[in-house]
Amino acid sequence: MRSSFQRRLLASTLLLGLTTPAFAQTADDADEGTIVVTGSRIARPDLQQASPIAIVSAQELKLSGKVNVEAIINDLPQLVPSATGASNNPGGGVSTADLRGLGANRTL
């Protein structure tokens, strides 16, 4: 009986020793994503050509002195900035975009 126990103990020890421990992988540095503003929900069949695209580089963001993305995109000609500080920023960490004056609820 004792040798049976020792055999099981030896077998389980060997099996545990043969398994390789799982190590956590280090996370890659997250690449800063891009913010893309794309059109509206309103179908516009009269616009069959490509609209101009505004690209704001990281260098331009740093040089602008703005503290958040809302302030930066409000300077773009495609967006209508809010008349007051609260009209495009309803609170709760949400900032909306009013694309071409269609209203914030019409922007995708």
N, C-alpha and C. Protein backbone atom coordinates (compact mmCIF):
# COMPACT_ATOMS: atom_id res chain seq x y z
N MET A 1 0.80 -1.17 0.00
CA MET A 1 0.00 0.00 0.00
C MET A 1 0.86 1.26 0.00
N ARG A 2 1.93 1.16 0.77
CA ARG A 2 2.81 2.31 0.85
C ARG A 2 3.51 2.55 -0.48
N SER A 3 3.94 1.50 -1.15
CA SER A 3 4.62 1.68 -2.43
C SER A 3 3.66 2.20 -3.49
N SER A 4 2.37 1.83 -3.40
CA SER A 4 1.37 2.35 -4.33
C SER A 4 1.21 3.87 -4.15
N PHE A 5 1.18 4.29 -2.90
CA PHE A 5 1.08 5.73 -2.61
C PHE A 5 2.31 6.47 -3.11
N GLN A 6 3.48 5.88 -2.89
CA GLN A 6 4.72 6.52 -3.33
C GLN A 6 4.77 6.60 -4.85
N ARG A 7 4.29 5.58 -5.53
CA ARG A 7 4.28 5.61 -6.99
C ARG A 7 3.35 6.72 -7.50
N ARG A 8 2.17 6.81 -6.90
CA ARG A 8 1.25 7.88 -7.31
C ARG A 8 1.83 9.26 -7.03
N LEU A 9 2.47 9.39 -5.88
CA LEU A 9 3.09 10.66 -5.53
C LEU A 9 4.21 11.00 -6.50
N LEU A 10 5.03 10.02 -6.84
CA LEU A 10 6.12 10.23 -7.78
C LEU A 10 5.58 10.56 -9.17
N ALA A 11 4.55 9.85 -9.60
CA ALA A 11 3.97 10.10 -10.93
C ALA A 11 3.36 11.51 -11.00
N SER A 12 2.63 11.89 -9.95
CA SER A 12 2.03 13.23 -9.98
C SER A 12 3.09 14.32 -9.91
N THR A 13 4.15 14.09 -9.15
CA THR A 13 5.24 15.07 -9.07
C THR A 13 5.92 15.22 -10.43
N LEU A 14 6.15 14.10 -11.10
CA LEU A 14 6.78 14.16 -12.42
C LEU A 14 5.88 14.86 -13.43
N LEU A 15 4.60 14.56 -13.40
CA LEU A 15 3.68 15.21 -14.33
C LEU A 15 3.62 16.72 -14.09
N LEU A 16 3.58 17.10 -12.84
CA LEU A 16 3.57 18.54 -12.54
C LEU A 16 4.89 19.20 -12.92
N GLY A 17 5.98 18.48 -12.76
CA GLY A 17 7.28 19.02 -13.11
C GLY A 17 7.49 19.15 -14.60
N LEU A 18 6.82 18.29 -15.37
CA LEU A 18 6.98 18.33 -16.83
C LEU A 18 6.16 19.43 -17.48
N THR A 19 5.12 19.85 -16.82
CA THR A 19 4.31 20.92 -17.41
C THR A 19 5.06 22.23 -17.30
N THR A 20 4.97 23.02 -18.33
CA THR A 20 5.66 24.31 -18.31
C THR A 20 4.72 25.36 -17.74
N PRO A 21 5.23 26.18 -16.89
CA PRO A 21 4.37 27.22 -16.31
C PRO A 21 3.99 28.25 -17.37
N ALA A 22 2.81 28.78 -17.26
CA ALA A 22 2.34 29.80 -18.20
C ALA A 22 2.73 31.17 -17.65
N PHE A 23 3.44 31.91 -18.44
CA PHE A 23 3.85 33.24 -18.05
C PHE A 23 2.98 34.25 -18.77
N ALA A 24 2.66 35.31 -18.09
CA ALA A 24 1.86 36.36 -18.72
C ALA A 24 2.72 37.08 -19.74
N GLN A 25 2.11 37.39 -20.86
CA GLN A 25 2.83 38.12 -21.89
C GLN A 25 2.80 39.60 -21.56
N THR A 26 3.86 40.26 -21.92
CA THR A 26 3.87 41.71 -21.72
C THR A 26 3.04 42.35 -22.82
N ALA A 27 2.26 43.32 -22.44
CA ALA A 27 1.40 44.00 -23.40
C ALA A 27 2.24 44.94 -24.26
N ASP A 28 1.93 44.95 -25.55
CA ASP A 28 2.60 45.88 -26.45
C ASP A 28 2.12 47.29 -26.13
N ASP A 29 2.98 48.25 -26.40
CA ASP A 29 2.57 49.64 -26.21
C ASP A 29 1.41 49.94 -27.13
N ALA A 30 0.38 50.51 -26.56
CA ALA A 30 -0.82 50.81 -27.36
C ALA A 30 -0.50 51.94 -28.33
N ASP A 31 -0.83 51.70 -29.58
CA ASP A 31 -0.64 52.73 -30.60
C ASP A 31 -1.77 53.73 -30.47
N GLU A 32 -1.42 55.00 -30.50
CA GLU A 32 -2.46 56.01 -30.39
C GLU A 32 -3.37 55.90 -31.60
N GLY A 33 -4.64 55.79 -31.34
CA GLY A 33 -5.61 55.61 -32.42
C GLY A 33 -5.88 56.91 -33.14
N THR A 34 -6.62 56.80 -34.20
CA THR A 34 -7.02 57.97 -34.96
C THR A 34 -8.49 58.23 -34.73
N ILE A 35 -8.85 59.48 -34.75
CA ILE A 35 -10.24 59.89 -34.64
C ILE A 35 -10.71 60.23 -36.03
N VAL A 36 -11.74 59.54 -36.48
CA VAL A 36 -12.24 59.75 -37.83
C VAL A 36 -13.66 60.27 -37.74
N VAL A 37 -13.92 61.40 -38.36
CA VAL A 37 -15.27 61.96 -38.45
C VAL A 37 -15.74 61.69 -39.86
N THR A 38 -16.87 60.97 -39.98
CA THR A 38 -17.27 60.49 -41.31
C THR A 38 -18.62 60.97 -41.78
N GLY A 39 -19.07 61.92 -42.14
CA GLY A 39 -20.37 62.13 -42.77
C GLY A 39 -21.56 62.19 -41.83
N SER A 40 -22.74 61.98 -42.41
CA SER A 40 -23.97 62.07 -41.64
C SER A 40 -24.93 60.97 -42.04
N ARG A 41 -26.05 60.88 -41.33
CA ARG A 41 -27.06 59.86 -41.62
C ARG A 41 -27.98 60.27 -42.75
N ILE A 42 -27.96 61.52 -43.14
CA ILE A 42 -28.85 62.01 -44.18
C ILE A 42 -28.29 61.62 -45.54
N ALA A 43 -29.12 60.95 -46.34
CA ALA A 43 -28.69 60.57 -47.70
C ALA A 43 -28.63 61.82 -48.57
N ARG A 44 -27.51 62.03 -49.22
CA ARG A 44 -27.32 63.20 -50.09
C ARG A 44 -26.91 62.72 -51.47
N PRO A 45 -27.86 62.34 -52.33
CA PRO A 45 -27.48 61.84 -53.66
C PRO A 45 -26.86 62.91 -54.54
N ASP A 46 -27.06 64.20 -54.21
CA ASP A 46 -26.47 65.27 -55.01
C ASP A 46 -24.96 65.37 -54.80
N LEU A 47 -24.44 64.76 -53.74
CA LEU A 47 -23.01 64.78 -53.48
C LEU A 47 -22.39 63.48 -53.98
N GLN A 48 -22.05 63.44 -55.24
CA GLN A 48 -21.49 62.23 -55.84
C GLN A 48 -19.97 62.26 -55.88
N GLN A 49 -19.37 63.35 -55.49
CA GLN A 49 -17.92 63.43 -55.50
C GLN A 49 -17.39 63.37 -54.07
N ALA A 50 -16.13 63.12 -53.96
CA ALA A 50 -15.51 63.02 -52.65
C ALA A 50 -15.47 64.38 -51.97
N SER A 51 -15.75 64.39 -50.70
CA SER A 51 -15.66 65.62 -49.91
C SER A 51 -14.22 65.80 -49.46
N PRO A 52 -13.80 67.02 -49.22
CA PRO A 52 -12.43 67.23 -48.74
C PRO A 52 -12.25 66.61 -47.36
N ILE A 53 -11.07 66.12 -47.13
CA ILE A 53 -10.74 65.48 -45.86
C ILE A 53 -9.72 66.35 -45.15
N ALA A 54 -9.96 66.61 -43.89
CA ALA A 54 -9.01 67.38 -43.08
C ALA A 54 -8.22 66.41 -42.21
N ILE A 55 -6.91 66.51 -42.27
CA ILE A 55 -6.03 65.66 -41.47
C ILE A 55 -5.27 66.57 -40.52
N VAL A 56 -5.35 66.25 -39.24
CA VAL A 56 -4.64 67.02 -38.22
C VAL A 56 -3.56 66.11 -37.66
N SER A 57 -2.31 66.53 -37.80
CA SER A 57 -1.20 65.70 -37.34
C SER A 57 -0.96 65.89 -35.85
N ALA A 58 -0.17 65.00 -35.28
CA ALA A 58 0.17 65.10 -33.86
C ALA A 58 0.93 66.39 -33.57
N GLN A 59 1.78 66.80 -34.50
CA GLN A 59 2.53 68.05 -34.32
C GLN A 59 1.58 69.25 -34.28
N GLU A 60 0.58 69.25 -35.17
CA GLU A 60 -0.40 70.34 -35.16
C GLU A 60 -1.20 70.35 -33.87
N LEU A 61 -1.51 69.17 -33.35
CA LEU A 61 -2.23 69.09 -32.09
C LEU A 61 -1.41 69.70 -30.95
N LYS A 62 -0.12 69.40 -30.92
CA LYS A 62 0.73 69.94 -29.87
C LYS A 62 0.88 71.45 -29.99
N LEU A 63 1.05 71.93 -31.23
CA LEU A 63 1.26 73.36 -31.44
C LEU A 63 -0.01 74.19 -31.24
N SER A 64 -1.18 73.55 -31.32
CA SER A 64 -2.43 74.31 -31.21
C SER A 64 -2.66 74.82 -29.80
N GLY A 65 -2.16 74.13 -28.80
CA GLY A 65 -2.37 74.55 -27.43
C GLY A 65 -3.73 74.18 -26.88
N LYS A 66 -4.52 73.45 -27.64
CA LYS A 66 -5.85 73.03 -27.18
C LYS A 66 -5.69 71.89 -26.19
N VAL A 67 -6.63 71.79 -25.27
CA VAL A 67 -6.51 70.78 -24.22
C VAL A 67 -7.33 69.52 -24.50
N ASN A 68 -8.26 69.57 -25.46
CA ASN A 68 -9.05 68.37 -25.76
C ASN A 68 -9.38 68.34 -27.24
N VAL A 69 -9.85 67.20 -27.70
CA VAL A 69 -10.13 67.00 -29.11
C VAL A 69 -11.31 67.86 -29.55
N GLU A 70 -12.27 68.07 -28.68
CA GLU A 70 -13.43 68.88 -29.03
C GLU A 70 -13.01 70.29 -29.47
N ALA A 71 -12.09 70.88 -28.73
CA ALA A 71 -11.63 72.23 -29.07
C ALA A 71 -10.89 72.24 -30.40
N ILE A 72 -10.19 71.17 -30.71
CA ILE A 72 -9.43 71.11 -31.96
C ILE A 72 -10.36 70.94 -33.16
N ILE A 73 -11.31 70.01 -33.07
CA ILE A 73 -12.17 69.78 -34.24
C ILE A 73 -13.18 70.91 -34.43
N ASN A 74 -13.44 71.69 -33.41
CA ASN A 74 -14.32 72.85 -33.59
C ASN A 74 -13.68 73.91 -34.48
N ASP A 75 -12.36 73.86 -34.65
CA ASP A 75 -11.67 74.80 -35.53
C ASP A 75 -11.71 74.36 -37.00
N LEU A 76 -12.13 73.13 -37.27
CA LEU A 76 -12.18 72.65 -38.65
C LEU A 76 -13.37 73.26 -39.38
N PRO A 77 -13.24 73.55 -40.67
CA PRO A 77 -14.33 74.21 -41.40
C PRO A 77 -15.57 73.33 -41.58
N GLN A 78 -15.44 72.02 -41.48
CA GLN A 78 -16.58 71.13 -41.65
C GLN A 78 -17.52 71.13 -40.45
N LEU A 79 -17.03 71.57 -39.32
CA LEU A 79 -17.81 71.52 -38.09
C LEU A 79 -18.29 72.90 -37.69
N VAL A 80 -19.49 72.94 -37.17
CA VAL A 80 -20.06 74.19 -36.68
C VAL A 80 -19.84 74.21 -35.17
N PRO A 81 -19.02 75.14 -34.67
CA PRO A 81 -18.79 75.17 -33.23
C PRO A 81 -20.06 75.60 -32.49
N SER A 82 -20.14 75.22 -31.25
CA SER A 82 -21.32 75.54 -30.46
C SER A 82 -21.39 77.03 -30.17
N ALA A 83 -22.61 77.51 -30.00
CA ALA A 83 -22.81 78.92 -29.67
C ALA A 83 -22.45 79.17 -28.21
N THR A 84 -22.70 78.19 -27.37
CA THR A 84 -22.35 78.30 -25.96
C THR A 84 -21.45 77.14 -25.59
N GLY A 85 -20.87 77.21 -24.44
CA GLY A 85 -19.97 76.15 -24.01
C GLY A 85 -20.66 74.83 -23.75
N ALA A 86 -21.98 74.84 -23.55
CA ALA A 86 -22.69 73.61 -23.20
C ALA A 86 -23.48 73.00 -24.35
N SER A 87 -23.63 73.69 -25.47
CA SER A 87 -24.52 73.16 -26.50
C SER A 87 -23.94 71.96 -27.24
N ASN A 88 -22.64 71.87 -27.42
CA ASN A 88 -22.03 70.69 -28.04
C ASN A 88 -21.37 69.80 -26.99
N ASN A 89 -21.53 70.14 -25.73
CA ASN A 89 -20.95 69.37 -24.65
C ASN A 89 -22.00 69.19 -23.57
N PRO A 90 -22.84 68.14 -23.69
CA PRO A 90 -23.93 67.96 -22.74
C PRO A 90 -23.50 67.50 -21.36
N GLY A 91 -22.24 67.23 -21.16
CA GLY A 91 -21.74 66.80 -19.86
C GLY A 91 -21.55 65.30 -19.80
N GLY A 92 -21.10 64.84 -18.68
CA GLY A 92 -20.89 63.40 -18.51
C GLY A 92 -19.74 62.87 -19.34
N GLY A 93 -18.80 63.72 -19.73
CA GLY A 93 -17.67 63.27 -20.53
C GLY A 93 -17.98 63.11 -22.00
N VAL A 94 -19.13 63.60 -22.45
CA VAL A 94 -19.54 63.45 -23.84
C VAL A 94 -19.39 64.78 -24.56
N SER A 95 -18.74 64.76 -25.71
CA SER A 95 -18.67 65.93 -26.58
C SER A 95 -19.21 65.52 -27.94
N THR A 96 -20.12 66.29 -28.48
CA THR A 96 -20.71 65.95 -29.77
C THR A 96 -20.15 66.85 -30.85
N ALA A 97 -20.30 66.42 -32.09
CA ALA A 97 -19.82 67.20 -33.23
C ALA A 97 -21.01 67.57 -34.10
N ASP A 98 -21.09 68.83 -34.48
CA ASP A 98 -22.16 69.31 -35.36
C ASP A 98 -21.56 69.47 -36.75
N LEU A 99 -21.67 68.44 -37.56
CA LEU A 99 -21.05 68.40 -38.88
C LEU A 99 -21.89 69.16 -39.89
N ARG A 100 -21.33 70.18 -40.47
CA ARG A 100 -21.96 71.02 -41.49
C ARG A 100 -23.30 71.61 -41.06
N GLY A 101 -23.47 71.83 -39.77
CA GLY A 101 -24.67 72.47 -39.26
C GLY A 101 -25.92 71.62 -39.28
N LEU A 102 -25.78 70.30 -39.39
CA LEU A 102 -26.94 69.41 -39.45
C LEU A 102 -27.46 69.05 -38.07
N GLY A 103 -26.73 69.37 -37.04
CA GLY A 103 -27.11 69.01 -35.68
C GLY A 103 -26.27 67.86 -35.17
N ALA A 104 -26.05 67.86 -33.87
CA ALA A 104 -25.18 66.84 -33.27
C ALA A 104 -25.79 65.45 -33.36
N ASN A 105 -27.11 65.34 -33.41
CA ASN A 105 -27.73 64.02 -33.50
C ASN A 105 -27.70 63.45 -34.91
N ARG A 106 -27.25 64.21 -35.89
CA ARG A 106 -27.16 63.73 -37.28
C ARG A 106 -25.76 63.27 -37.65
N THR A 107 -24.81 63.39 -36.76
CA THR A 107 -23.43 62.99 -37.04
C THR A 107 -23.24 61.55 -36.63
N LEU A 108 -22.61 60.76 -37.49
CA LEU A 108 -22.36 59.35 -37.17
C LEU A 108 -21.30 59.23 -36.11
